[in-house]
Amino acid sequence: MEDTLIVQQVVGHGMTLAILNLGPCSMLPPHYHPRAANFVVAMSGTTDTFMVEENGARTVKTTLTPGKMTIFPQASLHMMQNTGMFCTA
């Protein structure tokens, strides 16, 4: 289950920003934000992010560790998976 806190400073600026607690081995399934870009900052652990380019050409993978960030453009299909040290395949 995710815990989110909406930061009021981003309201009205065409972007979303949330604090997300993604448990060990958890995955946020593919989704998109039709009205805003999505700003993601890693606070702890290791998270793999995936985004499908708008023309479907390729999937962009980024690994976030503490202090790293990524931006998913408005309406881009994206997902995240916690791959931290407590996750085993």
PDB file of N, CA and C in Angstrom:
ATOM      1  N   MET A   1       0.839  -1.182   0.000  1.00  0.00           N
ATOM      2  CA  MET A   1       0.000   0.000   0.000  1.00  0.00           C
ATOM      3  C   MET A   1       0.880   1.240   0.000  1.00  0.00           C
ATOM      4  N   GLU A   2       0.464   2.278  -0.650  1.00  0.00           N
ATOM      5  CA  GLU A   2       1.269   3.479  -0.737  1.00  0.00           C
ATOM      6  C   GLU A   2       0.740   4.563   0.189  1.00  0.00           C
ATOM      7  N   ASP A   3       1.655   5.362   0.690  1.00  0.00           N
ATOM      8  CA  ASP A   3       1.315   6.536   1.487  1.00  0.00           C
ATOM      9  C   ASP A   3       1.729   7.740   0.661  1.00  0.00           C
ATOM     10  N   THR A   4       0.831   8.701   0.464  1.00  0.00           N
ATOM     11  CA  THR A   4       1.193   9.871  -0.318  1.00  0.00           C
ATOM     12  C   THR A   4       0.904  11.143   0.455  1.00  0.00           C
ATOM     13  N   LEU A   5       1.698  12.162   0.191  1.00  0.00           N
ATOM     14  CA  LEU A   5       1.515  13.491   0.756  1.00  0.00           C
ATOM     15  C   LEU A   5       1.642  14.466  -0.406  1.00  0.00           C
ATOM     16  N   ILE A   6       0.586  15.153  -0.722  1.00  0.00           N
ATOM     17  CA  ILE A   6       0.614  16.105  -1.832  1.00  0.00           C
ATOM     18  C   ILE A   6       1.251  17.406  -1.345  1.00  0.00           C
ATOM     19  N   VAL A   7       2.219  17.913  -2.093  1.00  0.00           N
ATOM     20  CA  VAL A   7       2.916  19.145  -1.748  1.00  0.00           C
ATOM     21  C   VAL A   7       2.211  20.301  -2.447  1.00  0.00           C
ATOM     22  N   GLN A   8       1.673  21.229  -1.690  1.00  0.00           N
ATOM     23  CA  GLN A   8       0.841  22.304  -2.237  1.00  0.00           C
ATOM     24  C   GLN A   8       1.592  23.243  -3.189  1.00  0.00           C
ATOM     25  N   GLN A   9       2.903  23.359  -3.089  1.00  0.00           N
ATOM     26  CA  GLN A   9       3.646  24.273  -3.951  1.00  0.00           C
ATOM     27  C   GLN A   9       3.603  23.885  -5.423  1.00  0.00           C
ATOM     28  N   VAL A  10       3.271  22.656  -5.751  1.00  0.00           N
ATOM     29  CA  VAL A  10       3.240  22.256  -7.156  1.00  0.00           C
ATOM     30  C   VAL A  10       1.855  22.395  -7.774  1.00  0.00           C
ATOM     31  N   VAL A  11       0.840  22.675  -6.962  1.00  0.00           N
ATOM     32  CA  VAL A  11      -0.517  22.822  -7.467  1.00  0.00           C
ATOM     33  C   VAL A  11      -0.576  24.002  -8.439  1.00  0.00           C
ATOM     34  N   GLY A  12      -1.128  23.764  -9.622  1.00  0.00           N
ATOM     35  CA  GLY A  12      -1.273  24.819 -10.616  1.00  0.00           C
ATOM     36  C   GLY A  12      -0.073  24.993 -11.533  1.00  0.00           C
ATOM     37  N   HIS A  13       0.950  24.153 -11.383  1.00  0.00           N
ATOM     38  CA  HIS A  13       2.153  24.272 -12.201  1.00  0.00           C
ATOM     39  C   HIS A  13       2.310  23.137 -13.206  1.00  0.00           C
ATOM     40  N   GLY A  14       1.263  22.335 -13.401  1.00  0.00           N
ATOM     41  CA  GLY A  14       1.309  21.284 -14.406  1.00  0.00           C
ATOM     42  C   GLY A  14       2.197  20.113 -14.047  1.00  0.00           C
ATOM     43  N   MET A  15       2.377  19.866 -12.747  1.00  0.00           N
ATOM     44  CA  MET A  15       3.176  18.719 -12.343  1.00  0.00           C
ATOM     45  C   MET A  15       2.624  18.114 -11.066  1.00  0.00           C
ATOM     46  N   THR A  16       2.969  16.850 -10.836  1.00  0.00           N
ATOM     47  CA  THR A  16       2.596  16.194  -9.592  1.00  0.00           C
ATOM     48  C   THR A  16       3.867  15.897  -8.814  1.00  0.00           C
ATOM     49  N   LEU A  17       3.761  15.934  -7.514  1.00  0.00           N
ATOM     50  CA  LEU A  17       4.856  15.596  -6.625  1.00  0.00           C
ATOM     51  C   LEU A  17       4.243  14.929  -5.415  1.00  0.00           C
ATOM     52  N   ALA A  18       4.728  13.744  -5.084  1.00  0.00           N
ATOM     53  CA  ALA A  18       4.185  13.024  -3.942  1.00  0.00           C
ATOM     54  C   ALA A  18       5.303  12.288  -3.226  1.00  0.00           C
ATOM     55  N   ILE A  19       5.119  12.069  -1.945  1.00  0.00           N
ATOM     56  CA  ILE A  19       6.021  11.217  -1.185  1.00  0.00           C
ATOM     57  C   ILE A  19       5.393   9.835  -1.196  1.00  0.00           C
ATOM     58  N   LEU A  20       6.133   8.882  -1.711  1.00  0.00           N
ATOM     59  CA  LEU A  20       5.617   7.535  -1.919  1.00  0.00           C
ATOM     60  C   LEU A  20       6.466   6.553  -1.138  1.00  0.00           C
ATOM     61  N   ASN A  21       5.835   5.703  -0.365  1.00  0.00           N
ATOM     62  CA  ASN A  21       6.535   4.650   0.357  1.00  0.00           C
ATOM     63  C   ASN A  21       6.223   3.335  -0.356  1.00  0.00           C
ATOM     64  N   LEU A  22       7.178   2.866  -1.143  1.00  0.00           N
ATOM     65  CA  LEU A  22       7.006   1.649  -1.923  1.00  0.00           C
ATOM     66  C   LEU A  22       7.716   0.520  -1.185  1.00  0.00           C
ATOM     67  N   GLY A  23       6.959  -0.402  -0.607  1.00  0.00           N
ATOM     68  CA  GLY A  23       7.506  -1.474   0.218  1.00  0.00           C
ATOM     69  C   GLY A  23       8.455  -2.395  -0.533  1.00  0.00           C
ATOM     70  N   PRO A  24       9.199  -3.250   0.198  1.00  0.00           N
ATOM     71  CA  PRO A  24      10.138  -4.170  -0.429  1.00  0.00           C
ATOM     72  C   PRO A  24       9.474  -5.017  -1.518  1.00  0.00           C
ATOM     73  N   CYS A  25      10.110  -5.074  -2.665  1.00  0.00           N
ATOM     74  CA  CYS A  25       9.650  -5.849  -3.832  1.00  0.00           C
ATOM     75  C   CYS A  25       8.326  -5.357  -4.401  1.00  0.00           C
ATOM     76  N   SER A  26       7.828  -4.227  -3.920  1.00  0.00           N
ATOM     77  CA  SER A  26       6.550  -3.702  -4.404  1.00  0.00           C
ATOM     78  C   SER A  26       6.706  -3.046  -5.763  1.00  0.00           C
ATOM     79  N   MET A  27       5.592  -2.944  -6.460  1.00  0.00           N
ATOM     80  CA  MET A  27       5.575  -2.333  -7.779  1.00  0.00           C
ATOM     81  C   MET A  27       4.383  -1.398  -7.879  1.00  0.00           C
ATOM     82  N   LEU A  28       4.610  -0.233  -8.444  1.00  0.00           N
ATOM     83  CA  LEU A  28       3.525   0.676  -8.794  1.00  0.00           C
ATOM     84  C   LEU A  28       3.209   0.355 -10.249  1.00  0.00           C
ATOM     85  N   PRO A  29       2.030  -0.202 -10.551  1.00  0.00           N
ATOM     86  CA  PRO A  29       1.757  -0.688 -11.908  1.00  0.00           C
ATOM     87  C   PRO A  29       1.758   0.435 -12.944  1.00  0.00           C
ATOM     88  N   PRO A  30       1.856   0.060 -14.216  1.00  0.00           N
ATOM     89  CA  PRO A  30       1.850   1.066 -15.278  1.00  0.00           C
ATOM     90  C   PRO A  30       0.633   1.977 -15.180  1.00  0.00           C
ATOM     91  N   HIS A  31       0.903   3.280 -15.298  1.00  0.00           N
ATOM     92  CA  HIS A  31      -0.158   4.284 -15.224  1.00  0.00           C
ATOM     93  C   HIS A  31       0.355   5.574 -15.868  1.00  0.00           C
ATOM     94  N   TYR A  32      -0.500   6.559 -15.967  1.00  0.00           N
ATOM     95  CA  TYR A  32      -0.093   7.858 -16.493  1.00  0.00           C
ATOM     96  C   TYR A  32      -0.890   8.951 -15.808  1.00  0.00           C
ATOM     97  N   HIS A  33      -0.399  10.186 -15.940  1.00  0.00           N
ATOM     98  CA  HIS A  33      -1.059  11.357 -15.391  1.00  0.00           C
ATOM     99  C   HIS A  33      -1.432  12.238 -16.585  1.00  0.00           C
ATOM    100  N   PRO A  34      -2.704  12.242 -16.993  1.00  0.00           N
ATOM    101  CA  PRO A  34      -3.087  12.921 -18.233  1.00  0.00           C
ATOM    102  C   PRO A  34      -2.966  14.447 -18.194  1.00  0.00           C
ATOM    103  N   ARG A  35      -2.925  15.026 -16.997  1.00  0.00           N
ATOM    104  CA  ARG A  35      -2.919  16.487 -16.911  1.00  0.00           C
ATOM    105  C   ARG A  35      -1.640  17.089 -16.353  1.00  0.00           C
ATOM    106  N   ALA A  36      -0.625  16.257 -16.044  1.00  0.00           N
ATOM    107  CA  ALA A  36       0.569  16.814 -15.407  1.00  0.00           C
ATOM    108  C   ALA A  36       1.776  15.904 -15.573  1.00  0.00           C
ATOM    109  N   ALA A  37       2.958  16.513 -15.525  1.00  0.00           N
ATOM    110  CA  ALA A  37       4.200  15.754 -15.444  1.00  0.00           C
ATOM    111  C   ALA A  37       4.327  15.213 -14.022  1.00  0.00           C
ATOM    112  N   ASN A  38       5.143  14.187 -13.844  1.00  0.00           N
ATOM    113  CA  ASN A  38       5.300  13.538 -12.544  1.00  0.00           C
ATOM    114  C   ASN A  38       6.764  13.631 -12.124  1.00  0.00           C
ATOM    115  N   PHE A  39       7.031  14.312 -11.022  1.00  0.00           N
ATOM    116  CA  PHE A  39       8.368  14.540 -10.481  1.00  0.00           C
ATOM    117  C   PHE A  39       8.600  13.535  -9.362  1.00  0.00           C
ATOM    118  N   VAL A  40       9.624  12.682  -9.479  1.00  0.00           N
ATOM    119  CA  VAL A  40       9.877  11.621  -8.505  1.00  0.00           C
ATOM    120  C   VAL A  40      11.293  11.770  -7.950  1.00  0.00           C
ATOM    121  N   VAL A  41      11.422  11.798  -6.619  1.00  0.00           N
ATOM    122  CA  VAL A  41      12.716  11.883  -5.944  1.00  0.00           C
ATOM    123  C   VAL A  41      12.850  10.682  -5.014  1.00  0.00           C
ATOM    124  N   ALA A  42      13.978   9.983  -5.083  1.00  0.00           N
ATOM    125  CA  ALA A  42      14.223   8.844  -4.195  1.00  0.00           C
ATOM    126  C   ALA A  42      14.736   9.349  -2.849  1.00  0.00           C
ATOM    127  N   MET A  43      14.107   8.889  -1.785  1.00  0.00           N
ATOM    128  CA  MET A  43      14.526   9.263  -0.433  1.00  0.00           C
ATOM    129  C   MET A  43      15.406   8.177   0.193  1.00  0.00           C
ATOM    130  N   SER A  44      15.114   6.913  -0.122  1.00  0.00           N
ATOM    131  CA  SER A  44      15.902   5.800   0.403  1.00  0.00           C
ATOM    132  C   SER A  44      15.705   4.592  -0.508  1.00  0.00           C
ATOM    133  N   GLY A  45      16.581   3.600  -0.361  1.00  0.00           N
ATOM    134  CA  GLY A  45      16.436   2.366  -1.129  1.00  0.00           C
ATOM    135  C   GLY A  45      16.816   2.510  -2.591  1.00  0.00           C
ATOM    136  N   THR A  46      16.416   1.524  -3.367  1.00  0.00           N
ATOM    137  CA  THR A  46      16.694   1.478  -4.803  1.00  0.00           C
ATOM    138  C   THR A  46      15.396   1.190  -5.542  1.00  0.00           C
ATOM    139  N   THR A  47      15.074   2.024  -6.506  1.00  0.00           N
ATOM    140  CA  THR A  47      13.842   1.867  -7.279  1.00  0.00           C
ATOM    141  C   THR A  47      14.160   1.951  -8.765  1.00  0.00           C
ATOM    142  N   ASP A  48      13.701   0.968  -9.512  1.00  0.00           N
ATOM    143  CA  ASP A  48      13.809   1.025 -10.970  1.00  0.00           C
ATOM    144  C   ASP A  48      12.554   1.673 -11.514  1.00  0.00           C
ATOM    145  N   THR A  49      12.722   2.635 -12.418  1.00  0.00           N
ATOM    146  CA  THR A  49      11.580   3.275 -13.057  1.00  0.00           C
ATOM    147  C   THR A  49      11.620   2.939 -14.544  1.00  0.00           C
ATOM    148  N   PHE A  50      10.453   2.837 -15.130  1.00  0.00           N
ATOM    149  CA  PHE A  50      10.325   2.514 -16.549  1.00  0.00           C
ATOM    150  C   PHE A  50       9.319   3.480 -17.172  1.00  0.00           C
ATOM    151  N   MET A  51       9.649   4.010 -18.346  1.00  0.00           N
ATOM    152  CA  MET A  51       8.742   4.910 -19.048  1.00  0.00           C
ATOM    153  C   MET A  51       8.743   4.540 -20.525  1.00  0.00           C
ATOM    154  N   VAL A  52       7.576   4.456 -21.107  1.00  0.00           N
ATOM    155  CA  VAL A  52       7.451   4.191 -22.541  1.00  0.00           C
ATOM    156  C   VAL A  52       7.420   5.532 -23.255  1.00  0.00           C
ATOM    157  N   GLU A  53       8.318   5.723 -24.230  1.00  0.00           N
ATOM    158  CA  GLU A  53       8.316   6.966 -24.993  1.00  0.00           C
ATOM    159  C   GLU A  53       6.975   7.151 -25.685  1.00  0.00           C
ATOM    160  N   GLU A  54       6.594   8.403 -25.916  1.00  0.00           N
ATOM    161  CA  GLU A  54       5.252   8.689 -26.438  1.00  0.00           C
ATOM    162  C   GLU A  54       4.959   8.041 -27.779  1.00  0.00           C
ATOM    163  N   ASN A  55       5.993   7.798 -28.585  1.00  0.00           N
ATOM    164  CA  ASN A  55       5.759   7.146 -29.871  1.00  0.00           C
ATOM    165  C   ASN A  55       5.911   5.627 -29.775  1.00  0.00           C
ATOM    166  N   GLY A  56       6.131   5.116 -28.547  1.00  0.00           N
ATOM    167  CA  GLY A  56       6.250   3.682 -28.332  1.00  0.00           C
ATOM    168  C   GLY A  56       7.566   3.101 -28.817  1.00  0.00           C
ATOM    169  N   ALA A  57       8.542   3.958 -29.154  1.00  0.00           N
ATOM    170  CA  ALA A  57       9.803   3.498 -29.736  1.00  0.00           C
ATOM    171  C   ALA A  57      10.619   2.626 -28.790  1.00  0.00           C
ATOM    172  N   ARG A  58      10.693   3.002 -27.534  1.00  0.00           N
ATOM    173  CA  ARG A  58      11.487   2.216 -26.598  1.00  0.00           C
ATOM    174  C   ARG A  58      11.027   2.496 -25.172  1.00  0.00           C
ATOM    175  N   THR A  59      11.486   1.646 -24.273  1.00  0.00           N
ATOM    176  CA  THR A  59      11.230   1.837 -22.857  1.00  0.00           C
ATOM    177  C   THR A  59      12.494   2.400 -22.222  1.00  0.00           C
ATOM    178  N   VAL A  60      12.362   3.484 -21.473  1.00  0.00           N
ATOM    179  CA  VAL A  60      13.488   4.123 -20.803  1.00  0.00           C
ATOM    180  C   VAL A  60      13.512   3.636 -19.361  1.00  0.00           C
ATOM    181  N   LYS A  61      14.644   3.052 -18.943  1.00  0.00           N
ATOM    182  CA  LYS A  61      14.796   2.562 -17.581  1.00  0.00           C
ATOM    183  C   LYS A  61      15.782   3.451 -16.832  1.00  0.00           C
ATOM    184  N   THR A  62      15.416   3.826 -15.614  1.00  0.00           N
ATOM    185  CA  THR A  62      16.280   4.611 -14.749  1.00  0.00           C
ATOM    186  C   THR A  62      16.284   3.961 -13.377  1.00  0.00           C
ATOM    187  N   THR A  63      17.453   3.871 -12.757  1.00  0.00           N
ATOM    188  CA  THR A  63      17.540   3.354 -11.400  1.00  0.00           C
ATOM    189  C   THR A  63      17.762   4.524 -10.455  1.00  0.00           C
ATOM    190  N   LEU A  64      16.845   4.683  -9.516  1.00  0.00           N
ATOM    191  CA  LEU A  64      16.927   5.762  -8.539  1.00  0.00           C
ATOM    192  C   LEU A  64      17.484   5.243  -7.222  1.00  0.00           C
ATOM    193  N   THR A  65      18.466   5.947  -6.689  1.00  0.00           N
ATOM    194  CA  THR A  65      19.003   5.704  -5.363  1.00  0.00           C
ATOM    195  C   THR A  65      18.825   7.003  -4.577  1.00  0.00           C
ATOM    196  N   PRO A  66      19.028   7.005  -3.267  1.00  0.00           N
ATOM    197  CA  PRO A  66      18.753   8.214  -2.483  1.00  0.00           C
ATOM    198  C   PRO A  66      19.362   9.490  -3.073  1.00  0.00           C
ATOM    199  N   GLY A  67      18.510  10.501  -3.211  1.00  0.00           N
ATOM    200  CA  GLY A  67      18.925  11.797  -3.738  1.00  0.00           C
ATOM    201  C   GLY A  67      18.794  11.940  -5.245  1.00  0.00           C
ATOM    202  N   LYS A  68      18.529  10.858  -5.961  1.00  0.00           N
ATOM    203  CA  LYS A  68      18.348  10.946  -7.413  1.00  0.00           C
ATOM    204  C   LYS A  68      16.880  11.176  -7.733  1.00  0.00           C
ATOM    205  N   MET A  69      16.634  11.760  -8.914  1.00  0.00           N
ATOM    206  CA  MET A  69      15.256  12.053  -9.305  1.00  0.00           C
ATOM    207  C   MET A  69      15.063  11.804 -10.787  1.00  0.00           C
ATOM    208  N   THR A  70      13.795  11.733 -11.167  1.00  0.00           N
ATOM    209  CA  THR A  70      13.429  11.637 -12.576  1.00  0.00           C
ATOM    210  C   THR A  70      12.109  12.371 -12.770  1.00  0.00           C
ATOM    211  N   ILE A  71      11.850  12.741 -13.991  1.00  0.00           N
ATOM    212  CA  ILE A  71      10.573  13.373 -14.346  1.00  0.00           C
ATOM    213  C   ILE A  71       9.929  12.543 -15.446  1.00  0.00           C
ATOM    214  N   PHE A  72       8.680  12.166 -15.230  1.00  0.00           N
ATOM    215  CA  PHE A  72       7.898  11.505 -16.269  1.00  0.00           C
ATOM    216  C   PHE A  72       7.061  12.589 -16.948  1.00  0.00           C
ATOM    217  N   PRO A  73       7.227  12.802 -18.252  1.00  0.00           N
ATOM    218  CA  PRO A  73       6.452  13.835 -18.939  1.00  0.00           C
ATOM    219  C   PRO A  73       4.941  13.581 -18.842  1.00  0.00           C
ATOM    220  N   GLN A  74       4.180  14.634 -18.974  1.00  0.00           N
ATOM    221  CA  GLN A  74       2.717  14.556 -18.936  1.00  0.00           C
ATOM    222  C   GLN A  74       2.226  13.466 -19.888  1.00  0.00           C
ATOM    223  N   ALA A  75       1.315  12.639 -19.410  1.00  0.00           N
ATOM    224  CA  ALA A  75       0.646  11.582 -20.167  1.00  0.00           C
ATOM    225  C   ALA A  75       1.564  10.433 -20.598  1.00  0.00           C
ATOM    226  N   SER A  76       2.781  10.365 -20.042  1.00  0.00           N
ATOM    227  CA  SER A  76       3.657   9.241 -20.388  1.00  0.00           C
ATOM    228  C   SER A  76       3.302   8.017 -19.541  1.00  0.00           C
ATOM    229  N   LEU A  77       3.316   6.858 -20.151  1.00  0.00           N
ATOM    230  CA  LEU A  77       3.049   5.614 -19.451  1.00  0.00           C
ATOM    231  C   LEU A  77       4.311   5.240 -18.681  1.00  0.00           C
ATOM    232  N   HIS A  78       4.171   5.053 -17.354  1.00  0.00           N
ATOM    233  CA  HIS A  78       5.344   4.745 -16.539  1.00  0.00           C
ATOM    234  C   HIS A  78       4.983   3.830 -15.373  1.00  0.00           C
ATOM    235  N   MET A  79       6.016   3.232 -14.770  1.00  0.00           N
ATOM    236  CA  MET A  79       5.842   2.362 -13.608  1.00  0.00           C
ATOM    237  C   MET A  79       7.115   2.399 -12.782  1.00  0.00           C
ATOM    238  N   MET A  80       7.024   1.908 -11.540  1.00  0.00           N
ATOM    239  CA  MET A  80       8.185   1.850 -10.657  1.00  0.00           C
ATOM    240  C   MET A  80       8.178   0.538  -9.891  1.00  0.00           C
ATOM    241  N   GLN A  81       9.392   0.042  -9.582  1.00  0.00           N
ATOM    242  CA  GLN A  81       9.520  -1.182  -8.804  1.00  0.00           C
ATOM    243  C   GLN A  81      10.651  -1.034  -7.800  1.00  0.00           C
ATOM    244  N   ASN A  82      10.370  -1.366  -6.533  1.00  0.00           N
ATOM    245  CA  ASN A  82      11.390  -1.362  -5.492  1.00  0.00           C
ATOM    246  C   ASN A  82      12.269  -2.588  -5.694  1.00  0.00           C
ATOM    247  N   THR A  83      13.557  -2.372  -5.941  1.00  0.00           N
ATOM    248  CA  THR A  83      14.496  -3.471  -6.145  1.00  0.00           C
ATOM    249  C   THR A  83      15.580  -3.454  -5.078  1.00  0.00           C
ATOM    250  N   GLY A  84      15.271  -2.873  -3.934  1.00  0.00           N
ATOM    251  CA  GLY A  84      16.244  -2.715  -2.851  1.00  0.00           C
ATOM    252  C   GLY A  84      16.760  -4.019  -2.282  1.00  0.00           C
ATOM    253  N   MET A  85      17.609  -3.916  -1.262  1.00  0.00           N
ATOM    254  CA  MET A  85      18.337  -5.060  -0.720  1.00  0.00           C
ATOM    255  C   MET A  85      17.457  -6.125  -0.078  1.00  0.00           C
ATOM    256  N   PHE A  86      16.212  -5.811   0.238  1.00  0.00           N
ATOM    257  CA  PHE A  86      15.337  -6.786   0.858  1.00  0.00           C
ATOM    258  C   PHE A  86      14.505  -7.545  -0.177  1.00  0.00           C
ATOM    259  N   CYS A  87      14.741  -7.285  -1.442  1.00  0.00           N
ATOM    260  CA  CYS A  87      13.979  -7.922  -2.508  1.00  0.00           C
ATOM    261  C   CYS A  87      14.817  -9.024  -3.142  1.00  0.00           C
ATOM    262  N   THR A  88      14.291 -10.235  -3.180  1.00  0.00           N
ATOM    263  CA  THR A  88      15.018 -11.338  -3.795  1.00  0.00           C
ATOM    264  C   THR A  88      14.198 -11.884  -4.962  1.00  0.00           C
ATOM    265  N   ALA A  89      14.890 -12.276  -5.992  1.00  0.00           N
ATOM    266  CA  ALA A  89      14.209 -12.774  -7.193  1.00  0.00           C
ATOM    267  C   ALA A  89      13.758 -14.205  -7.032  1.00  0.00           C
TER     268      ALA A  89
END
